[in-house]
Amino acid sequence: MRFADPLRQGSLVRRYKRFLADVELPGEGTVTAHCANPGSMTGLTAPGAEVWLSPARNPARKLRWTLELVRVGDALVGVNTSLANPVAAEGIAAGVVPALTGYASMRREVRYGQGSRIDLLLEDGDRPPCHVEVKSVTLKRDSAIPGLAEFPDSVTARGAKHLDELARVVAGGGRAAMLYVAQRGDCDRVAVAADIDPAYALASTEARRAGVEILCHTCNISTEAIVLSTAVTLQGGKPGIAA
């Protein structure tokens, strides 16, 4: 997924009220950018961090900029969680996710379950549809396990609900998958952060036991594009196979 317009480099001043970030932008002074990330963004909010902003295409929008990337060491991290779905959709369409190839069509934000919307619904006349929930992974903590990215970075009752919904799809004879999109250039595996959200970890374990497929992919990230890349290991199991 290519960014629609060239990004502008700046220096992070602070992130606050969850959805706002003040950034020192050359030639503009301090600007307030929209931060499309409801999580804690642990490790990604250090004052002075190199960040990249996209300009608003709508001139009437209150905030002219959106926070897209943060540099951590040598790696860029995509912090705009709303991009995970289009990145995943493009990757699936391009055949990057072998387990999800061969479907005739793909629809987004389709209603299902108990008042939920599935991120991606893959359909083909010859087999049951596949419900795909997409999660953006940005957390990477100092750990004894190099390259480990984790989800979630804060408590997410909504995320646990999505896992329960996927399990019900499988129980009803359908196919369901959870696709973790690691928007980092410095990880090679993914795990559930059970210490941060035990309820989500339990829901994940139960969903896998019910037959929900777990898929994890990294991304190639630059200031021009975020592209779904390699399938990586779910800590404790193999890509796409319940741990």
C-alpha atoms as a PDB file:
ATOM      1  CA  MET A   1       0.000   0.000   0.000  1.00  0.00           C
ATOM      2  CA  ARG A   2       1.620   3.208  -1.179  1.00  0.00           C
ATOM      3  CA  PHE A   3       1.045   6.434   0.688  1.00  0.00           C
ATOM      4  CA  ALA A   4      -1.186   8.686  -1.375  1.00  0.00           C
ATOM      5  CA  ASP A   5       1.095  11.708  -0.900  1.00  0.00           C
ATOM      6  CA  PRO A   6       4.759  12.178   0.073  1.00  0.00           C
ATOM      7  CA  LEU A   7       5.334  11.987   3.817  1.00  0.00           C
ATOM      8  CA  ARG A   8       6.981  14.780   5.776  1.00  0.00           C
ATOM      9  CA  GLN A   9       9.681  14.064   8.361  1.00  0.00           C
ATOM     10  CA  GLY A  10       9.463  15.638  11.784  1.00  0.00           C
ATOM     11  CA  SER A  11      10.437  15.219  15.418  1.00  0.00           C
ATOM     12  CA  LEU A  12       7.950  13.993  18.010  1.00  0.00           C
ATOM     13  CA  VAL A  13       7.232  16.396  20.843  1.00  0.00           C
ATOM     14  CA  ARG A  14       4.566  14.357  22.631  1.00  0.00           C
ATOM     15  CA  ARG A  15       1.637  12.021  22.085  1.00  0.00           C
ATOM     16  CA  TYR A  16      -1.391  12.737  24.269  1.00  0.00           C
ATOM     17  CA  LYS A  17      -5.123  12.145  24.647  1.00  0.00           C
ATOM     18  CA  ARG A  18      -4.559   8.907  22.680  1.00  0.00           C
ATOM     19  CA  PHE A  19      -5.366  10.413  19.300  1.00  0.00           C
ATOM     20  CA  LEU A  20      -3.167  13.525  19.223  1.00  0.00           C
ATOM     21  CA  ALA A  21       0.556  14.053  18.680  1.00  0.00           C
ATOM     22  CA  ASP A  22       2.538  17.282  18.650  1.00  0.00           C
ATOM     23  CA  VAL A  23       5.345  17.198  16.097  1.00  0.00           C
ATOM     24  CA  GLU A  24       8.081  19.680  15.274  1.00  0.00           C
ATOM     25  CA  LEU A  25       7.880  19.952  11.504  1.00  0.00           C
ATOM     26  CA  PRO A  26      10.591  21.843   9.576  1.00  0.00           C
ATOM     27  CA  GLY A  27       9.152  24.981   8.042  1.00  0.00           C
ATOM     28  CA  GLU A  28       5.867  24.587   9.953  1.00  0.00           C
ATOM     29  CA  GLY A  29       6.858  24.814  13.608  1.00  0.00           C
ATOM     30  CA  THR A  30       4.944  22.621  16.040  1.00  0.00           C
ATOM     31  CA  VAL A  31       1.887  21.003  14.460  1.00  0.00           C
ATOM     32  CA  THR A  32      -0.762  18.751  15.984  1.00  0.00           C
ATOM     33  CA  ALA A  33      -1.275  15.513  14.068  1.00  0.00           C
ATOM     34  CA  HIS A  34      -4.031  12.921  14.267  1.00  0.00           C
ATOM     35  CA  CYS A  35      -2.728   9.703  15.836  1.00  0.00           C
ATOM     36  CA  ALA A  36      -4.857   6.852  14.476  1.00  0.00           C
ATOM     37  CA  ASN A  37      -3.850   4.395  17.181  1.00  0.00           C
ATOM     38  CA  PRO A  38      -5.985   3.623  20.265  1.00  0.00           C
ATOM     39  CA  GLY A  39      -3.262   1.568  21.980  1.00  0.00           C
ATOM     40  CA  SER A  40      -0.559   2.517  24.436  1.00  0.00           C
ATOM     41  CA  MET A  41       2.137   2.771  21.721  1.00  0.00           C
ATOM     42  CA  THR A  42       4.681   1.545  24.252  1.00  0.00           C
ATOM     43  CA  GLY A  43       8.217   2.304  23.096  1.00  0.00           C
ATOM     44  CA  LEU A  44       7.027   4.549  20.250  1.00  0.00           C
ATOM     45  CA  THR A  45       6.443   7.897  21.934  1.00  0.00           C
ATOM     46  CA  ALA A  46       9.893   9.037  23.036  1.00  0.00           C
ATOM     47  CA  PRO A  47      10.268  12.829  22.699  1.00  0.00           C
ATOM     48  CA  GLY A  48      12.591  13.636  19.824  1.00  0.00           C
ATOM     49  CA  ALA A  49      11.822  10.443  17.894  1.00  0.00           C
ATOM     50  CA  GLU A  50      11.949  10.701  14.112  1.00  0.00           C
ATOM     51  CA  VAL A  51       8.392  10.553  12.804  1.00  0.00           C
ATOM     52  CA  TRP A  52       6.729  10.818   9.408  1.00  0.00           C
ATOM     53  CA  LEU A  53       3.413  12.531   8.721  1.00  0.00           C
ATOM     54  CA  SER A  54       0.962  12.357   5.840  1.00  0.00           C
ATOM     55  CA  PRO A  55      -0.913  15.486   4.755  1.00  0.00           C
ATOM     56  CA  ALA A  56      -4.709  15.588   4.883  1.00  0.00           C
ATOM     57  CA  ARG A  57      -6.290  15.440   1.437  1.00  0.00           C
ATOM     58  CA  ASN A  58      -9.411  17.193   2.693  1.00  0.00           C
ATOM     59  CA  PRO A  59      -8.559  20.891   3.167  1.00  0.00           C
ATOM     60  CA  ALA A  60     -11.505  21.254   5.545  1.00  0.00           C
ATOM     61  CA  ARG A  61     -10.191  18.663   8.009  1.00  0.00           C
ATOM     62  CA  LYS A  62      -9.410  20.134  11.415  1.00  0.00           C
ATOM     63  CA  LEU A  63      -6.026  18.391  11.737  1.00  0.00           C
ATOM     64  CA  ARG A  64      -3.865  18.810   8.632  1.00  0.00           C
ATOM     65  CA  TRP A  65      -1.517  15.907   9.412  1.00  0.00           C
ATOM     66  CA  THR A  66      -1.658  12.214  10.360  1.00  0.00           C
ATOM     67  CA  LEU A  67       1.098  10.350  12.199  1.00  0.00           C
ATOM     68  CA  GLU A  68       2.137   7.401  10.032  1.00  0.00           C
ATOM     69  CA  LEU A  69       5.623   6.165  10.961  1.00  0.00           C
ATOM     70  CA  VAL A  70       7.999   6.250  13.924  1.00  0.00           C
ATOM     71  CA  ARG A  71      11.654   5.280  13.688  1.00  0.00           C
ATOM     72  CA  VAL A  72      12.971   3.022  16.454  1.00  0.00           C
ATOM     73  CA  GLY A  73      16.685   2.361  16.033  1.00  0.00           C
ATOM     74  CA  ASP A  74      17.172   1.418  12.395  1.00  0.00           C
ATOM     75  CA  ALA A  75      13.581   0.282  11.891  1.00  0.00           C
ATOM     76  CA  LEU A  76      10.451   2.108  10.820  1.00  0.00           C
ATOM     77  CA  VAL A  77       7.205   1.254  12.609  1.00  0.00           C
ATOM     78  CA  GLY A  78       3.772   1.869  11.089  1.00  0.00           C
ATOM     79  CA  VAL A  79       1.613   3.322  13.853  1.00  0.00           C
ATOM     80  CA  ASN A  80      -1.542   4.097  11.863  1.00  0.00           C
ATOM     81  CA  THR A  81      -3.679   1.076  12.757  1.00  0.00           C
ATOM     82  CA  SER A  82      -6.262   1.938  10.103  1.00  0.00           C
ATOM     83  CA  LEU A  83      -3.758   0.939   7.422  1.00  0.00           C
ATOM     84  CA  ALA A  84      -3.519  -2.699   8.545  1.00  0.00           C
ATOM     85  CA  ASN A  85      -6.695  -3.674   6.667  1.00  0.00           C
ATOM     86  CA  PRO A  86      -5.719  -2.254   3.249  1.00  0.00           C
ATOM     87  CA  VAL A  87      -2.186  -3.615   3.669  1.00  0.00           C
ATOM     88  CA  ALA A  88      -3.628  -7.061   4.423  1.00  0.00           C
ATOM     89  CA  ALA A  89      -6.139  -6.867   1.577  1.00  0.00           C
ATOM     90  CA  GLU A  90      -3.446  -5.970  -0.952  1.00  0.00           C
ATOM     91  CA  GLY A  91      -1.188  -8.736   0.343  1.00  0.00           C
ATOM     92  CA  ILE A  92      -3.914 -11.368   0.126  1.00  0.00           C
ATOM     93  CA  ALA A  93      -4.859 -10.245  -3.392  1.00  0.00           C
ATOM     94  CA  ALA A  94      -1.192 -10.466  -4.405  1.00  0.00           C
ATOM     95  CA  GLY A  95      -0.875 -14.031  -3.087  1.00  0.00           C
ATOM     96  CA  VAL A  96       1.450 -13.135  -0.214  1.00  0.00           C
ATOM     97  CA  VAL A  97      -0.678 -15.148   2.257  1.00  0.00           C
ATOM     98  CA  PRO A  98      -0.712 -18.696   0.813  1.00  0.00           C
ATOM     99  CA  ALA A  99      -3.371 -19.910   3.246  1.00  0.00           C
ATOM    100  CA  LEU A 100      -5.838 -17.311   1.930  1.00  0.00           C
ATOM    101  CA  THR A 101      -5.339 -17.619  -1.825  1.00  0.00           C
ATOM    102  CA  GLY A 102      -7.814 -18.893  -4.400  1.00  0.00           C
ATOM    103  CA  TYR A 103     -10.950 -16.999  -3.409  1.00  0.00           C
ATOM    104  CA  ALA A 104     -12.932 -15.329  -6.171  1.00  0.00           C
ATOM    105  CA  SER A 105     -13.789 -12.146  -4.290  1.00  0.00           C
ATOM    106  CA  MET A 106     -13.040 -10.085  -1.207  1.00  0.00           C
ATOM    107  CA  ARG A 107     -15.385  -7.767   0.671  1.00  0.00           C
ATOM    108  CA  ARG A 108     -14.559  -5.442   3.563  1.00  0.00           C
ATOM    109  CA  GLU A 109     -16.432  -4.495   6.718  1.00  0.00           C
ATOM    110  CA  VAL A 110     -19.216  -7.055   6.284  1.00  0.00           C
ATOM    111  CA  ARG A 111     -21.722  -7.416   9.120  1.00  0.00           C
ATOM    112  CA  TYR A 112     -21.755 -10.753  10.920  1.00  0.00           C
ATOM    113  CA  GLY A 113     -22.157 -12.298  14.340  1.00  0.00           C
ATOM    114  CA  GLN A 114     -23.509 -10.222  17.196  1.00  0.00           C
ATOM    115  CA  GLY A 115     -23.280  -6.691  15.888  1.00  0.00           C
ATOM    116  CA  SER A 116     -19.753  -7.099  14.517  1.00  0.00           C
ATOM    117  CA  ARG A 117     -18.153  -6.351  11.176  1.00  0.00           C
ATOM    118  CA  ILE A 118     -15.526  -8.669   9.732  1.00  0.00           C
ATOM    119  CA  ASP A 119     -12.488  -6.889   8.310  1.00  0.00           C
ATOM    120  CA  LEU A 120     -12.239  -9.084   5.207  1.00  0.00           C
ATOM    121  CA  LEU A 121     -14.683 -11.662   3.865  1.00  0.00           C
ATOM    122  CA  LEU A 122     -13.223 -13.988   1.229  1.00  0.00           C
ATOM    123  CA  GLU A 123     -15.809 -15.727  -0.932  1.00  0.00           C
ATOM    124  CA  ASP A 124     -15.884 -18.406  -3.586  1.00  0.00           C
ATOM    125  CA  GLY A 125     -18.854 -20.343  -4.896  1.00  0.00           C
ATOM    126  CA  ASP A 126     -17.165 -23.705  -4.401  1.00  0.00           C
ATOM    127  CA  ARG A 127     -16.400 -23.423  -0.680  1.00  0.00           C
ATOM    128  CA  PRO A 128     -17.523 -21.710   2.525  1.00  0.00           C
ATOM    129  CA  PRO A 129     -16.511 -18.052   2.922  1.00  0.00           C
ATOM    130  CA  CYS A 130     -13.496 -17.237   5.053  1.00  0.00           C
ATOM    131  CA  HIS A 131     -13.848 -14.563   7.733  1.00  0.00           C
ATOM    132  CA  VAL A 132     -10.545 -12.727   8.281  1.00  0.00           C
ATOM    133  CA  GLU A 133      -9.990 -10.426  11.240  1.00  0.00           C
ATOM    134  CA  VAL A 134      -6.903  -8.178  10.937  1.00  0.00           C
ATOM    135  CA  LYS A 135      -4.893  -6.788  13.848  1.00  0.00           C
ATOM    136  CA  SER A 136      -2.060  -4.268  13.650  1.00  0.00           C
ATOM    137  CA  VAL A 137       0.962  -5.283  15.755  1.00  0.00           C
ATOM    138  CA  THR A 138       3.368  -2.547  16.861  1.00  0.00           C
ATOM    139  CA  LEU A 139       4.548  -3.556  20.334  1.00  0.00           C
ATOM    140  CA  LYS A 140       8.133  -4.796  20.725  1.00  0.00           C
ATOM    141  CA  ARG A 141       9.570  -4.835  24.241  1.00  0.00           C
ATOM    142  CA  ASP A 142      13.062  -5.481  25.535  1.00  0.00           C
ATOM    143  CA  SER A 143      12.910  -9.225  25.811  1.00  0.00           C
ATOM    144  CA  ALA A 144      15.003 -12.344  26.038  1.00  0.00           C
ATOM    145  CA  ILE A 145      13.460 -13.255  22.684  1.00  0.00           C
ATOM    146  CA  PRO A 146      15.014 -11.103  19.937  1.00  0.00           C
ATOM    147  CA  GLY A 147      12.662  -9.967  17.205  1.00  0.00           C
ATOM    148  CA  LEU A 148       9.480 -10.666  19.158  1.00  0.00           C
ATOM    149  CA  ALA A 149       6.490  -8.425  18.440  1.00  0.00           C
ATOM    150  CA  GLU A 150       3.391  -8.689  20.625  1.00  0.00           C
ATOM    151  CA  PHE A 151      -0.334  -7.994  20.560  1.00  0.00           C
ATOM    152  CA  PRO A 152      -2.113  -6.277  22.224  1.00  0.00           C
ATOM    153  CA  ASP A 153      -0.262  -3.323  23.715  1.00  0.00           C
ATOM    154  CA  SER A 154      -3.235  -2.478  25.959  1.00  0.00           C
ATOM    155  CA  VAL A 155      -6.394  -4.181  27.178  1.00  0.00           C
ATOM    156  CA  THR A 156      -8.814  -4.797  24.305  1.00  0.00           C
ATOM    157  CA  ALA A 157     -12.221  -6.185  25.179  1.00  0.00           C
ATOM    158  CA  ARG A 158     -13.188  -5.576  21.546  1.00  0.00           C
ATOM    159  CA  GLY A 159     -10.322  -7.795  20.384  1.00  0.00           C
ATOM    160  CA  ALA A 160     -11.439 -10.629  22.658  1.00  0.00           C
ATOM    161  CA  LYS A 161     -14.980 -10.276  21.304  1.00  0.00           C
ATOM    162  CA  HIS A 162     -13.655 -10.626  17.757  1.00  0.00           C
ATOM    163  CA  LEU A 163     -11.915 -13.880  18.673  1.00  0.00           C
ATOM    164  CA  ASP A 164     -15.139 -15.229  20.170  1.00  0.00           C
ATOM    165  CA  GLU A 165     -17.021 -14.264  16.994  1.00  0.00           C
ATOM    166  CA  LEU A 166     -14.470 -16.085  14.823  1.00  0.00           C
ATOM    167  CA  ALA A 167     -14.787 -19.198  16.982  1.00  0.00           C
ATOM    168  CA  ARG A 168     -18.546 -19.136  16.440  1.00  0.00           C
ATOM    169  CA  VAL A 169     -18.008 -18.935  12.669  1.00  0.00           C
ATOM    170  CA  VAL A 170     -15.945 -22.134  12.818  1.00  0.00           C
ATOM    171  CA  ALA A 171     -18.489 -23.818  15.093  1.00  0.00           C
ATOM    172  CA  GLY A 172     -21.115 -23.054  12.468  1.00  0.00           C
ATOM    173  CA  GLY A 173     -19.134 -24.817   9.763  1.00  0.00           C
ATOM    174  CA  GLY A 174     -17.334 -21.789   8.323  1.00  0.00           C
ATOM    175  CA  ARG A 175     -13.707 -20.850   8.073  1.00  0.00           C
ATOM    176  CA  ALA A 176     -12.105 -18.070  10.139  1.00  0.00           C
ATOM    177  CA  ALA A 177      -8.628 -16.617  10.456  1.00  0.00           C
ATOM    178  CA  MET A 178      -6.921 -14.039  12.631  1.00  0.00           C
ATOM    179  CA  LEU A 179      -4.239 -12.207  10.645  1.00  0.00           C
ATOM    180  CA  TYR A 180      -1.658 -10.313  12.694  1.00  0.00           C
ATOM    181  CA  VAL A 181       0.057  -7.628  10.600  1.00  0.00           C
ATOM    182  CA  ALA A 182       3.348  -6.677  12.257  1.00  0.00           C
ATOM    183  CA  GLN A 183       3.972  -3.129  11.079  1.00  0.00           C
ATOM    184  CA  ARG A 184       7.617  -3.267  12.090  1.00  0.00           C
ATOM    185  CA  GLY A 185      10.810  -3.843  10.186  1.00  0.00           C
ATOM    186  CA  ASP A 186      12.603  -5.405  13.139  1.00  0.00           C
ATOM    187  CA  CYS A 187      10.600  -8.489  14.118  1.00  0.00           C
ATOM    188  CA  ASP A 188      10.486 -12.105  13.000  1.00  0.00           C
ATOM    189  CA  ARG A 189       7.815 -13.576  15.256  1.00  0.00           C
ATOM    190  CA  VAL A 190       4.598 -12.615  17.015  1.00  0.00           C
ATOM    191  CA  ALA A 191       3.131 -13.519  20.395  1.00  0.00           C
ATOM    192  CA  VAL A 192       0.079 -12.678  22.457  1.00  0.00           C
ATOM    193  CA  ALA A 193       0.991 -10.369  25.352  1.00  0.00           C
ATOM    194  CA  ALA A 194      -0.780 -12.329  28.082  1.00  0.00           C
ATOM    195  CA  ASP A 195       0.627 -10.142  30.861  1.00  0.00           C
ATOM    196  CA  ILE A 196      -0.980  -7.061  29.322  1.00  0.00           C
ATOM    197  CA  ASP A 197      -4.396  -8.592  28.618  1.00  0.00           C
ATOM    198  CA  PRO A 198      -5.003 -12.024  30.200  1.00  0.00           C
ATOM    199  CA  ALA A 199      -8.608 -12.091  28.938  1.00  0.00           C
ATOM    200  CA  TYR A 200      -7.477 -11.605  25.349  1.00  0.00           C
ATOM    201  CA  ALA A 201      -4.838 -14.324  25.779  1.00  0.00           C
ATOM    202  CA  LEU A 202      -7.490 -16.731  27.055  1.00  0.00           C
ATOM    203  CA  ALA A 203      -9.813 -15.860  24.171  1.00  0.00           C
ATOM    204  CA  SER A 204      -6.932 -16.457  21.746  1.00  0.00           C
ATOM    205  CA  THR A 205      -6.197 -19.893  23.196  1.00  0.00           C
ATOM    206  CA  GLU A 206      -9.860 -20.886  23.058  1.00  0.00           C
ATOM    207  CA  ALA A 207     -10.246 -19.600  19.505  1.00  0.00           C
ATOM    208  CA  ARG A 208      -7.276 -21.630  18.309  1.00  0.00           C
ATOM    209  CA  ARG A 209      -8.637 -24.728  20.007  1.00  0.00           C
ATOM    210  CA  ALA A 210     -11.946 -24.099  18.232  1.00  0.00           C
ATOM    211  CA  GLY A 211     -10.172 -24.119  14.861  1.00  0.00           C
ATOM    212  CA  VAL A 212      -9.571 -20.425  14.171  1.00  0.00           C
ATOM    213  CA  GLU A 213      -6.427 -20.149  12.038  1.00  0.00           C
ATOM    214  CA  ILE A 214      -3.687 -17.831  13.260  1.00  0.00           C
ATOM    215  CA  LEU A 215      -1.606 -16.100  10.581  1.00  0.00           C
ATOM    216  CA  CYS A 216       1.260 -13.691  11.234  1.00  0.00           C
ATOM    217  CA  HIS A 217       3.079 -11.564   8.666  1.00  0.00           C
ATOM    218  CA  THR A 218       5.707  -8.858   8.821  1.00  0.00           C
ATOM    219  CA  CYS A 219       5.770  -5.815   6.548  1.00  0.00           C
ATOM    220  CA  ASN A 220       8.331  -4.094   4.391  1.00  0.00           C
ATOM    221  CA  ILE A 221       8.106  -0.472   5.504  1.00  0.00           C
ATOM    222  CA  SER A 222       9.498   2.638   3.865  1.00  0.00           C
ATOM    223  CA  THR A 223       8.467   6.273   3.689  1.00  0.00           C
ATOM    224  CA  GLU A 224       6.818   5.436   0.354  1.00  0.00           C
ATOM    225  CA  ALA A 225       4.811   2.301   1.185  1.00  0.00           C
ATOM    226  CA  ILE A 226       3.856  -0.445   3.645  1.00  0.00           C
ATOM    227  CA  VAL A 227       3.753  -3.864   1.975  1.00  0.00           C
ATOM    228  CA  LEU A 228       2.759  -7.185   3.534  1.00  0.00           C
ATOM    229  CA  SER A 229       5.723  -9.522   3.551  1.00  0.00           C
ATOM    230  CA  THR A 230       6.997 -12.725   5.130  1.00  0.00           C
ATOM    231  CA  ALA A 231       4.937 -15.178   7.154  1.00  0.00           C
ATOM    232  CA  VAL A 232       6.522 -15.400  10.610  1.00  0.00           C
ATOM    233  CA  THR A 233       6.265 -17.663  13.581  1.00  0.00           C
ATOM    234  CA  LEU A 234       3.543 -17.355  16.150  1.00  0.00           C
ATOM    235  CA  GLN A 235       5.493 -17.856  19.361  1.00  0.00           C
ATOM    236  CA  GLY A 236       4.849 -21.420  20.399  1.00  0.00           C
ATOM    237  CA  GLY A 237       3.666 -22.606  16.993  1.00  0.00           C
ATOM    238  CA  LYS A 238       4.128 -22.430  13.227  1.00  0.00           C
ATOM    239  CA  PRO A 239       2.639 -19.770  10.925  1.00  0.00           C
ATOM    240  CA  GLY A 240      -1.040 -20.452  10.363  1.00  0.00           C
ATOM    241  CA  ILE A 241      -1.218 -23.403  12.761  1.00  0.00           C
ATOM    242  CA  ALA A 242      -2.708 -23.271  16.209  1.00  0.00           C
ATOM    243  CA  ALA A 243      -0.085 -23.249  18.922  1.00  0.00           C
END
